[in-house]
All heavy atoms as atom14 arrays in JSON, in Angstrom:
{
  "sequence": "TWTRTEMATATAADALKHPNWRMGQKVTIDSATLMNKGLEVIEAHHL",
  "atom14_mask": [
    [1, 1, 1, 1, 1, 1, 1, 0, 0, 0, 0, 0, 0, 0],
    [1, 1, 1, 1, 1, 1, 1, 1, 1, 1, 1, 1, 1, 1],
    [1, 1, 1, 1, 1, 1, 1, 0, 0, 0, 0, 0, 0, 0],
    [1, 1, 1, 1, 1, 1, 1, 1, 1, 1, 1, 0, 0, 0],
    [1, 1, 1, 1, 1, 1, 1, 0, 0, 0, 0, 0, 0, 0],
    [1, 1, 1, 1, 1, 1, 1, 1, 1, 0, 0, 0, 0, 0],
    [1, 1, 1, 1, 1, 1, 1, 1, 0, 0, 0, 0, 0, 0],
    [1, 1, 1, 1, 1, 0, 0, 0, 0, 0, 0, 0, 0, 0],
    [1, 1, 1, 1, 1, 1, 1, 0, 0, 0, 0, 0, 0, 0],
    [1, 1, 1, 1, 1, 0, 0, 0, 0, 0, 0, 0, 0, 0],
    [1, 1, 1, 1, 1, 1, 1, 0, 0, 0, 0, 0, 0, 0],
    [1, 1, 1, 1, 1, 0, 0, 0, 0, 0, 0, 0, 0, 0],
    [1, 1, 1, 1, 1, 0, 0, 0, 0, 0, 0, 0, 0, 0],
    [1, 1, 1, 1, 1, 1, 1, 1, 0, 0, 0, 0, 0, 0],
    [1, 1, 1, 1, 1, 0, 0, 0, 0, 0, 0, 0, 0, 0],
    [1, 1, 1, 1, 1, 1, 1, 1, 0, 0, 0, 0, 0, 0],
    [1, 1, 1, 1, 1, 1, 1, 1, 1, 0, 0, 0, 0, 0],
    [1, 1, 1, 1, 1, 1, 1, 1, 1, 1, 0, 0, 0, 0],
    [1, 1, 1, 1, 1, 1, 1, 0, 0, 0, 0, 0, 0, 0],
    [1, 1, 1, 1, 1, 1, 1, 1, 0, 0, 0, 0, 0, 0],
    [1, 1, 1, 1, 1, 1, 1, 1, 1, 1, 1, 1, 1, 1],
    [1, 1, 1, 1, 1, 1, 1, 1, 1, 1, 1, 0, 0, 0],
    [1, 1, 1, 1, 1, 1, 1, 1, 0, 0, 0, 0, 0, 0],
    [1, 1, 1, 1, 0, 0, 0, 0, 0, 0, 0, 0, 0, 0],
    [1, 1, 1, 1, 1, 1, 1, 1, 1, 0, 0, 0, 0, 0],
    [1, 1, 1, 1, 1, 1, 1, 1, 1, 0, 0, 0, 0, 0],
    [1, 1, 1, 1, 1, 1, 1, 0, 0, 0, 0, 0, 0, 0],
    [1, 1, 1, 1, 1, 1, 1, 0, 0, 0, 0, 0, 0, 0],
    [1, 1, 1, 1, 1, 1, 1, 1, 0, 0, 0, 0, 0, 0],
    [1, 1, 1, 1, 1, 1, 1, 1, 0, 0, 0, 0, 0, 0],
    [1, 1, 1, 1, 1, 1, 0, 0, 0, 0, 0, 0, 0, 0],
    [1, 1, 1, 1, 1, 0, 0, 0, 0, 0, 0, 0, 0, 0],
    [1, 1, 1, 1, 1, 1, 1, 0, 0, 0, 0, 0, 0, 0],
    [1, 1, 1, 1, 1, 1, 1, 1, 0, 0, 0, 0, 0, 0],
    [1, 1, 1, 1, 1, 1, 1, 1, 0, 0, 0, 0, 0, 0],
    [1, 1, 1, 1, 1, 1, 1, 1, 0, 0, 0, 0, 0, 0],
    [1, 1, 1, 1, 1, 1, 1, 1, 1, 0, 0, 0, 0, 0],
    [1, 1, 1, 1, 0, 0, 0, 0, 0, 0, 0, 0, 0, 0],
    [1, 1, 1, 1, 1, 1, 1, 1, 0, 0, 0, 0, 0, 0],
    [1, 1, 1, 1, 1, 1, 1, 1, 1, 0, 0, 0, 0, 0],
    [1, 1, 1, 1, 1, 1, 1, 0, 0, 0, 0, 0, 0, 0],
    [1, 1, 1, 1, 1, 1, 1, 1, 0, 0, 0, 0, 0, 0],
    [1, 1, 1, 1, 1, 1, 1, 1, 1, 0, 0, 0, 0, 0],
    [1, 1, 1, 1, 1, 0, 0, 0, 0, 0, 0, 0, 0, 0],
    [1, 1, 1, 1, 1, 1, 1, 1, 1, 1, 0, 0, 0, 0],
    [1, 1, 1, 1, 1, 1, 1, 1, 1, 1, 0, 0, 0, 0],
    [1, 1, 1, 1, 1, 1, 1, 1, 0, 0, 0, 0, 0, 0]
  ],
  "atom14_positions": [
    [[0.86, -1.26, 0.01], [0.04, 0.06, 0.09], [0.92, 1.24, -0.02], [0.34, 2.4, 0.16], [-1.04, 0.02, 1.32], [-0.09, -0.04, 2.43], [-1.85, -1.25, 1.2], [0.0, 0.0, 0.0], [0.0, 0.0, 0.0], [0.0, 0.0, 0.0], [0.0, 0.0, 0.0], [0.0, 0.0, 0.0], [0.0, 0.0, 0.0], [0.0, 0.0, 0.0]],
    [[2.17, 1.16, -0.15], [2.99, 2.37, -0.1], [2.93, 3.0, -1.43], [2.86, 2.4, -2.44], [4.52, 1.96, 0.31], [4.71, 1.57, 1.69], [3.82, 0.77, 2.5], [5.9, 1.82, 2.43], [4.48, 0.64, 3.74], [5.64, 1.38, 3.83], [6.93, 2.54, 2.28], [6.64, 1.29, 4.8], [7.93, 2.54, 3.26], [7.7, 2.02, 4.55]],
    [[3.25, 4.39, -1.47], [3.37, 5.1, -2.72], [4.81, 4.87, -3.19], [5.73, 4.54, -2.4], [3.0, 6.49, -2.6], [3.97, 7.08, -1.72], [1.58, 6.64, -1.94], [0.0, 0.0, 0.0], [0.0, 0.0, 0.0], [0.0, 0.0, 0.0], [0.0, 0.0, 0.0], [0.0, 0.0, 0.0], [0.0, 0.0, 0.0], [0.0, 0.0, 0.0]],
    [[5.13, 5.37, -4.35], [6.43, 5.33, -4.97], [7.36, 6.36, -4.21], [8.43, 6.06, -3.76], [6.62, 5.73, -6.35], [6.0, 4.76, -7.36], [7.03, 3.68, -7.71], [8.09, 4.14, -8.53], [9.08, 3.49, -8.8], [9.26, 2.21, -8.66], [10.08, 4.06, -9.64], [0.0, 0.0, 0.0], [0.0, 0.0, 0.0], [0.0, 0.0, 0.0]],
    [[6.76, 7.37, -3.67], [7.42, 8.4, -2.91], [7.85, 7.86, -1.59], [9.0, 8.07, -1.12], [6.61, 9.63, -2.74], [6.22, 10.14, -4.06], [7.34, 10.65, -1.77], [0.0, 0.0, 0.0], [0.0, 0.0, 0.0], [0.0, 0.0, 0.0], [0.0, 0.0, 0.0], [0.0, 0.0, 0.0], [0.0, 0.0, 0.0], [0.0, 0.0, 0.0]],
    [[6.98, 7.01, -0.9], [7.25, 6.5, 0.36], [8.38, 5.3, 0.17], [9.23, 5.16, 0.98], [6.02, 5.85, 0.96], [5.04, 6.95, 1.31], [3.61, 6.4, 1.81], [3.31, 5.22, 1.21], [3.02, 6.83, 2.73], [0.0, 0.0, 0.0], [0.0, 0.0, 0.0], [0.0, 0.0, 0.0], [0.0, 0.0, 0.0], [0.0, 0.0, 0.0]],
    [[8.25, 4.63, -0.92], [9.24, 3.46, -1.13], [10.58, 3.96, -1.46], [11.55, 3.48, -1.15], [8.81, 2.61, -2.18], [7.64, 1.71, -1.86], [7.28, 0.47, -3.2], [6.35, 1.3, -4.34], [0.0, 0.0, 0.0], [0.0, 0.0, 0.0], [0.0, 0.0, 0.0], [0.0, 0.0, 0.0], [0.0, 0.0, 0.0], [0.0, 0.0, 0.0]],
    [[10.66, 5.39, -1.89], [11.91, 5.94, -2.33], [12.8, 6.04, -1.0], [14.0, 6.01, -1.12], [11.79, 7.35, -2.94], [0.0, 0.0, 0.0], [0.0, 0.0, 0.0], [0.0, 0.0, 0.0], [0.0, 0.0, 0.0], [0.0, 0.0, 0.0], [0.0, 0.0, 0.0], [0.0, 0.0, 0.0], [0.0, 0.0, 0.0], [0.0, 0.0, 0.0]],
    [[12.2, 6.23, 0.05], [12.96, 6.39, 1.32], [12.95, 5.16, 2.1], [13.35, 5.22, 3.35], [12.49, 7.55, 2.18], [11.01, 7.34, 2.38], [12.58, 8.79, 1.31], [0.0, 0.0, 0.0], [0.0, 0.0, 0.0], [0.0, 0.0, 0.0], [0.0, 0.0, 0.0], [0.0, 0.0, 0.0], [0.0, 0.0, 0.0], [0.0, 0.0, 0.0]],
    [[12.45, 4.06, 1.75], [12.29, 2.68, 2.56], [13.77, 2.34, 2.93], [14.66, 2.25, 2.08], [11.49, 1.7, 1.64], [0.0, 0.0, 0.0], [0.0, 0.0, 0.0], [0.0, 0.0, 0.0], [0.0, 0.0, 0.0], [0.0, 0.0, 0.0], [0.0, 0.0, 0.0], [0.0, 0.0, 0.0], [0.0, 0.0, 0.0], [0.0, 0.0, 0.0]],
    [[13.82, 1.81, 4.08], [15.12, 1.31, 4.62], [15.07, -0.27, 4.36], [13.92, -0.79, 4.12], [15.43, 1.58, 6.01], [14.33, 0.96, 6.9], [15.31, 3.18, 6.27], [0.0, 0.0, 0.0], [0.0, 0.0, 0.0], [0.0, 0.0, 0.0], [0.0, 0.0, 0.0], [0.0, 0.0, 0.0], [0.0, 0.0, 0.0], [0.0, 0.0, 0.0]],
    [[16.23, -0.84, 4.68], [16.25, -2.34, 4.61], [15.46, -2.96, 5.67], [14.76, -3.88, 5.6], [17.76, -2.82, 4.82], [0.0, 0.0, 0.0], [0.0, 0.0, 0.0], [0.0, 0.0, 0.0], [0.0, 0.0, 0.0], [0.0, 0.0, 0.0], [0.0, 0.0, 0.0], [0.0, 0.0, 0.0], [0.0, 0.0, 0.0], [0.0, 0.0, 0.0]],
    [[15.49, -2.3, 6.79], [14.53, -2.87, 8.0], [13.08, -2.74, 7.53], [12.3, -3.72, 7.9], [14.69, -1.9, 9.16], [0.0, 0.0, 0.0], [0.0, 0.0, 0.0], [0.0, 0.0, 0.0], [0.0, 0.0, 0.0], [0.0, 0.0, 0.0], [0.0, 0.0, 0.0], [0.0, 0.0, 0.0], [0.0, 0.0, 0.0], [0.0, 0.0, 0.0]],
    [[12.68, -1.84, 6.77], [11.31, -1.56, 6.36], [10.99, -2.81, 5.44], [9.91, -3.39, 5.44], [11.02, -0.37, 5.64], [11.13, 0.89, 6.56], [10.67, 0.8, 7.78], [11.48, 2.01, 6.03], [0.0, 0.0, 0.0], [0.0, 0.0, 0.0], [0.0, 0.0, 0.0], [0.0, 0.0, 0.0], [0.0, 0.0, 0.0], [0.0, 0.0, 0.0]],
    [[11.89, -3.0, 4.49], [11.67, -4.03, 3.41], [11.71, -5.41, 4.0], [11.22, -6.29, 3.42], [12.76, -3.87, 2.38], [0.0, 0.0, 0.0], [0.0, 0.0, 0.0], [0.0, 0.0, 0.0], [0.0, 0.0, 0.0], [0.0, 0.0, 0.0], [0.0, 0.0, 0.0], [0.0, 0.0, 0.0], [0.0, 0.0, 0.0], [0.0, 0.0, 0.0]],
    [[12.35, -5.71, 5.09], [12.5, -6.91, 5.69], [11.23, -7.33, 6.56], [11.29, -8.5, 7.09], [13.85, -7.14, 6.52], [15.06, -7.13, 5.52], [16.28, -7.01, 6.41], [15.19, -8.36, 4.67], [0.0, 0.0, 0.0], [0.0, 0.0, 0.0], [0.0, 0.0, 0.0], [0.0, 0.0, 0.0], [0.0, 0.0, 0.0], [0.0, 0.0, 0.0]],
    [[10.26, -6.43, 6.75], [9.12, -6.72, 7.6], [8.11, -7.37, 6.75], [7.09, -6.74, 6.38], [8.62, -5.44, 8.13], [9.58, -4.8, 9.13], [9.13, -3.51, 9.74], [10.05, -2.84, 10.69], [9.6, -1.43, 11.06], [0.0, 0.0, 0.0], [0.0, 0.0, 0.0], [0.0, 0.0, 0.0], [0.0, 0.0, 0.0], [0.0, 0.0, 0.0]],
    [[8.2, -8.62, 6.35], [7.35, -9.35, 5.54], [6.03, -9.69, 6.36], [6.15, -10.15, 7.51], [7.78, -10.69, 4.89], [6.98, -11.11, 3.83], [5.75, -11.78, 3.99], [7.11, -11.0, 2.46], [5.25, -12.14, 2.84], [6.01, -11.67, 1.76], [0.0, 0.0, 0.0], [0.0, 0.0, 0.0], [0.0, 0.0, 0.0], [0.0, 0.0, 0.0]],
    [[4.75, -9.34, 5.91], [3.52, -9.45, 6.55], [3.25, -10.86, 6.89], [2.48, -11.22, 7.85], [2.48, -8.88, 5.83], [3.12, -8.9, 4.39], [4.51, -8.71, 4.48], [0.0, 0.0, 0.0], [0.0, 0.0, 0.0], [0.0, 0.0, 0.0], [0.0, 0.0, 0.0], [0.0, 0.0, 0.0], [0.0, 0.0, 0.0], [0.0, 0.0, 0.0]],
    [[3.68, -11.81, 6.03], [3.07, -13.26, 6.27], [4.23, -14.46, 6.38], [3.93, -15.42, 7.03], [2.23, -13.64, 4.98], [1.05, -12.76, 4.88], [0.65, -12.13, 5.84], [0.44, -12.49, 3.69], [0.0, 0.0, 0.0], [0.0, 0.0, 0.0], [0.0, 0.0, 0.0], [0.0, 0.0, 0.0], [0.0, 0.0, 0.0], [0.0, 0.0, 0.0]],
    [[5.31, -14.26, 5.69], [6.25, -15.39, 5.65], [7.6, -14.99, 6.36], [7.96, -13.73, 6.34], [6.58, -15.63, 4.07], [5.42, -16.18, 3.3], [4.58, -15.38, 2.5], [5.14, -17.55, 3.12], [3.67, -16.14, 1.99], [4.05, -17.54, 2.23], [5.75, -18.68, 3.59], [3.41, -18.67, 1.9], [5.04, -19.87, 3.09], [3.97, -19.88, 2.29]],
    [[8.14, -15.98, 6.94], [9.54, -15.7, 7.44], [10.47, -16.43, 6.58], [10.46, -17.57, 6.39], [9.63, -16.38, 8.84], [9.01, -15.62, 9.9], [9.16, -16.25, 11.39], [8.83, -17.64, 11.32], [9.25, -18.52, 12.28], [10.22, -17.88, 13.19], [8.99, -19.74, 12.33], [0.0, 0.0, 0.0], [0.0, 0.0, 0.0], [0.0, 0.0, 0.0]],
    [[11.36, -15.54, 5.83], [12.28, -16.09, 4.83], [13.72, -15.39, 4.97], [13.74, -14.54, 5.77], [11.63, -15.65, 3.4], [10.18, -16.22, 3.22], [9.59, -15.67, 1.6], [9.34, -13.87, 1.97], [0.0, 0.0, 0.0], [0.0, 0.0, 0.0], [0.0, 0.0, 0.0], [0.0, 0.0, 0.0], [0.0, 0.0, 0.0], [0.0, 0.0, 0.0]],
    [[14.52, -15.82, 4.22], [15.84, -15.22, 4.17], [15.8, -13.81, 3.71], [14.77, -13.37, 3.03], [0.0, 0.0, 0.0], [0.0, 0.0, 0.0], [0.0, 0.0, 0.0], [0.0, 0.0, 0.0], [0.0, 0.0, 0.0], [0.0, 0.0, 0.0], [0.0, 0.0, 0.0], [0.0, 0.0, 0.0], [0.0, 0.0, 0.0], [0.0, 0.0, 0.0]],
    [[16.86, -13.02, 3.96], [16.94, -11.65, 3.58], [16.74, -11.48, 2.03], [15.9, -10.54, 1.69], [18.28, -10.95, 3.99], [18.28, -10.67, 5.48], [19.46, -9.75, 5.86], [20.49, -9.79, 5.2], [19.33, -9.08, 6.88], [0.0, 0.0, 0.0], [0.0, 0.0, 0.0], [0.0, 0.0, 0.0], [0.0, 0.0, 0.0], [0.0, 0.0, 0.0]],
    [[17.35, -12.23, 1.19], [17.26, -12.0, -0.1], [15.92, -12.06, -0.75], [15.37, -11.32, -1.41], [18.27, -12.89, -0.9], [18.1, -13.09, -2.42], [18.27, -11.9, -3.34], [18.4, -12.24, -4.69], [17.29, -12.96, -5.32], [0.0, 0.0, 0.0], [0.0, 0.0, 0.0], [0.0, 0.0, 0.0], [0.0, 0.0, 0.0], [0.0, 0.0, 0.0]],
    [[15.27, -13.35, -0.34], [13.95, -13.57, -0.76], [12.81, -12.54, -0.28], [12.05, -12.21, -1.05], [13.44, -15.05, -0.44], [12.1, -15.4, -0.85], [14.41, -16.01, -1.0], [0.0, 0.0, 0.0], [0.0, 0.0, 0.0], [0.0, 0.0, 0.0], [0.0, 0.0, 0.0], [0.0, 0.0, 0.0], [0.0, 0.0, 0.0], [0.0, 0.0, 0.0]],
    [[13.17, -12.09, 1.03], [12.22, -11.09, 1.5], [12.33, -9.78, 0.73], [11.27, -9.16, 0.52], [12.52, -10.91, 3.05], [12.51, -12.05, 3.71], [11.53, -9.97, 3.72], [0.0, 0.0, 0.0], [0.0, 0.0, 0.0], [0.0, 0.0, 0.0], [0.0, 0.0, 0.0], [0.0, 0.0, 0.0], [0.0, 0.0, 0.0], [0.0, 0.0, 0.0]],
    [[13.5, -9.37, 0.53], [13.62, -8.13, -0.37], [13.05, -8.26, -1.74], [12.34, -7.44, -2.24], [15.08, -7.72, -0.59], [15.76, -7.49, 0.85], [15.25, -6.43, -1.42], [15.0, -6.38, 1.74], [0.0, 0.0, 0.0], [0.0, 0.0, 0.0], [0.0, 0.0, 0.0], [0.0, 0.0, 0.0], [0.0, 0.0, 0.0], [0.0, 0.0, 0.0]],
    [[13.18, -9.48, -2.43], [12.63, -9.77, -3.63], [11.0, -9.72, -3.6], [10.34, -9.33, -4.5], [13.09, -11.15, -4.13], [14.37, -11.16, -4.71], [15.02, -10.03, -5.04], [14.94, -12.25, -5.05], [0.0, 0.0, 0.0], [0.0, 0.0, 0.0], [0.0, 0.0, 0.0], [0.0, 0.0, 0.0], [0.0, 0.0, 0.0], [0.0, 0.0, 0.0]],
    [[10.5, -10.06, -2.49], [9.04, -10.08, -2.22], [8.57, -8.64, -2.17], [7.56, -8.28, -2.66], [8.69, -10.83, -0.95], [7.34, -10.65, -0.75], [0.0, 0.0, 0.0], [0.0, 0.0, 0.0], [0.0, 0.0, 0.0], [0.0, 0.0, 0.0], [0.0, 0.0, 0.0], [0.0, 0.0, 0.0], [0.0, 0.0, 0.0], [0.0, 0.0, 0.0]],
    [[9.47, -7.76, -1.52], [9.17, -6.35, -1.44], [9.12, -5.72, -2.8], [8.2, -4.81, -2.98], [10.11, -5.69, -0.55], [0.0, 0.0, 0.0], [0.0, 0.0, 0.0], [0.0, 0.0, 0.0], [0.0, 0.0, 0.0], [0.0, 0.0, 0.0], [0.0, 0.0, 0.0], [0.0, 0.0, 0.0], [0.0, 0.0, 0.0], [0.0, 0.0, 0.0]],
    [[9.99, -6.14, -3.61], [10.03, -5.41, -5.07], [9.08, -6.2, -6.07], [8.89, -5.66, -7.09], [11.45, -5.54, -5.61], [11.8, -6.99, -5.71], [12.52, -4.81, -4.69], [0.0, 0.0, 0.0], [0.0, 0.0, 0.0], [0.0, 0.0, 0.0], [0.0, 0.0, 0.0], [0.0, 0.0, 0.0], [0.0, 0.0, 0.0], [0.0, 0.0, 0.0]],
    [[8.66, -7.41, -5.65], [7.82, -8.3, -6.53], [8.82, -9.02, -7.6], [8.23, -9.67, -8.51], [6.62, -7.54, -7.33], [5.41, -7.24, -6.34], [4.23, -6.86, -7.25], [5.14, -8.34, -5.44], [0.0, 0.0, 0.0], [0.0, 0.0, 0.0], [0.0, 0.0, 0.0], [0.0, 0.0, 0.0], [0.0, 0.0, 0.0], [0.0, 0.0, 0.0]],
    [[9.99, -8.83, -7.54], [10.98, -9.54, -8.43], [10.76, -11.03, -8.15], [10.92, -11.83, -9.08], [12.36, -9.13, -8.11], [13.44, -9.85, -8.99], [13.17, -9.56, -10.79], [14.02, -8.03, -10.99], [0.0, 0.0, 0.0], [0.0, 0.0, 0.0], [0.0, 0.0, 0.0], [0.0, 0.0, 0.0], [0.0, 0.0, 0.0], [0.0, 0.0, 0.0]],
    [[10.53, -11.45, -6.86], [10.41, -12.9, -6.59], [9.31, -13.45, -7.47], [9.35, -14.54, -7.97], [10.1, -13.29, -5.2], [8.75, -12.58, -4.68], [8.26, -11.67, -4.95], [8.07, -13.67, -3.93], [0.0, 0.0, 0.0], [0.0, 0.0, 0.0], [0.0, 0.0, 0.0], [0.0, 0.0, 0.0], [0.0, 0.0, 0.0], [0.0, 0.0, 0.0]],
    [[8.19, -12.64, -7.55], [7.13, -13.15, -8.38], [7.36, -13.21, -9.83], [6.98, -14.06, -10.62], [5.89, -12.23, -8.19], [4.49, -13.05, -8.26], [4.44, -14.14, -7.4], [4.77, -14.06, -5.88], [4.63, -15.36, -5.24], [0.0, 0.0, 0.0], [0.0, 0.0, 0.0], [0.0, 0.0, 0.0], [0.0, 0.0, 0.0], [0.0, 0.0, 0.0]],
    [[8.19, -12.21, -10.19], [8.67, -12.26, -11.68], [9.68, -13.5, -12.01], [9.49, -14.09, -12.99], [0.0, 0.0, 0.0], [0.0, 0.0, 0.0], [0.0, 0.0, 0.0], [0.0, 0.0, 0.0], [0.0, 0.0, 0.0], [0.0, 0.0, 0.0], [0.0, 0.0, 0.0], [0.0, 0.0, 0.0], [0.0, 0.0, 0.0], [0.0, 0.0, 0.0]],
    [[10.49, -13.74, -10.96], [11.27, -14.94, -11.21], [10.33, -16.35, -11.14], [10.71, -17.23, -11.81], [12.34, -15.03, -10.06], [13.35, -13.85, -10.04], [14.38, -14.01, -8.89], [14.12, -13.95, -11.33], [0.0, 0.0, 0.0], [0.0, 0.0, 0.0], [0.0, 0.0, 0.0], [0.0, 0.0, 0.0], [0.0, 0.0, 0.0], [0.0, 0.0, 0.0]],
    [[9.36, -16.3, -10.29], [8.5, -17.43, -10.26], [7.7, -17.65, -11.59], [7.34, -18.59, -11.99], [7.44, -17.19, -9.06], [8.17, -17.57, -7.8], [7.31, -17.18, -6.55], [6.05, -16.98, -6.84], [7.86, -17.06, -5.41], [0.0, 0.0, 0.0], [0.0, 0.0, 0.0], [0.0, 0.0, 0.0], [0.0, 0.0, 0.0], [0.0, 0.0, 0.0]],
    [[7.46, -16.47, -12.28], [6.63, -16.63, -13.56], [7.75, -17.26, -14.58], [7.26, -18.11, -15.21], [6.47, -15.2, -14.08], [6.08, -15.24, -15.6], [5.26, -14.56, -13.28], [0.0, 0.0, 0.0], [0.0, 0.0, 0.0], [0.0, 0.0, 0.0], [0.0, 0.0, 0.0], [0.0, 0.0, 0.0], [0.0, 0.0, 0.0], [0.0, 0.0, 0.0]],
    [[9.01, -16.94, -14.49], [10.09, -17.59, -15.3], [10.0, -19.12, -15.03], [10.22, -19.9, -16.01], [11.35, -16.98, -15.22], [11.26, -15.31, -15.61], [12.37, -17.71, -15.91], [12.49, -14.61, -15.2], [0.0, 0.0, 0.0], [0.0, 0.0, 0.0], [0.0, 0.0, 0.0], [0.0, 0.0, 0.0], [0.0, 0.0, 0.0], [0.0, 0.0, 0.0]],
    [[10.02, -19.36, -13.74], [10.15, -20.8, -13.4], [9.01, -21.51, -13.89], [8.98, -22.61, -14.31], [10.25, -20.84, -11.8], [11.66, -20.31, -11.15], [11.62, -20.5, -9.71], [11.99, -21.59, -9.26], [11.11, -19.58, -9.05], [0.0, 0.0, 0.0], [0.0, 0.0, 0.0], [0.0, 0.0, 0.0], [0.0, 0.0, 0.0], [0.0, 0.0, 0.0]],
    [[7.83, -20.93, -13.69], [6.51, -21.64, -14.07], [6.51, -21.84, -15.45], [5.96, -22.88, -15.97], [5.34, -20.67, -13.67], [0.0, 0.0, 0.0], [0.0, 0.0, 0.0], [0.0, 0.0, 0.0], [0.0, 0.0, 0.0], [0.0, 0.0, 0.0], [0.0, 0.0, 0.0], [0.0, 0.0, 0.0], [0.0, 0.0, 0.0], [0.0, 0.0, 0.0]],
    [[7.01, -21.03, -16.29], [7.12, -21.16, -17.77], [7.74, -22.4, -18.13], [7.33, -23.24, -18.95], [7.79, -19.95, -18.35], [8.32, -20.28, -19.76], [7.35, -20.18, -20.91], [9.47, -20.44, -20.27], [8.19, -20.5, -22.03], [9.4, -20.56, -21.66], [0.0, 0.0, 0.0], [0.0, 0.0, 0.0], [0.0, 0.0, 0.0], [0.0, 0.0, 0.0]],
    [[8.98, -22.71, -17.38], [9.72, -23.79, -17.7], [9.11, -25.17, -17.01], [9.05, -26.21, -17.7], [11.13, -23.59, -17.32], [11.9, -22.67, -18.0], [12.28, -22.79, -19.36], [12.34, -21.47, -17.71], [12.83, -21.79, -19.83], [12.95, -20.88, -18.89], [0.0, 0.0, 0.0], [0.0, 0.0, 0.0], [0.0, 0.0, 0.0], [0.0, 0.0, 0.0]],
    [[8.57, -24.94, -15.9], [7.99, -26.22, -15.18], [6.87, -26.78, -15.85], [6.68, -27.94, -15.95], [7.78, -25.73, -13.66], [8.92, -25.71, -12.7], [8.39, -25.09, -11.42], [9.42, -27.15, -12.43], [0.0, 0.0, 0.0], [0.0, 0.0, 0.0], [0.0, 0.0, 0.0], [0.0, 0.0, 0.0], [0.0, 0.0, 0.0], [0.0, 0.0, 0.0]]
  ]
}
């Protein structure tokens, strides 16, 4: 629900506060950017 302006000042601590899952730092940041979902689309294509 954050705006782009709010995300521009987001800290690592903010990005690591995942609402539902407990994961490693890399995956949690990927969840914050939605890159993890992009990578999952790629995986789903091949699987």
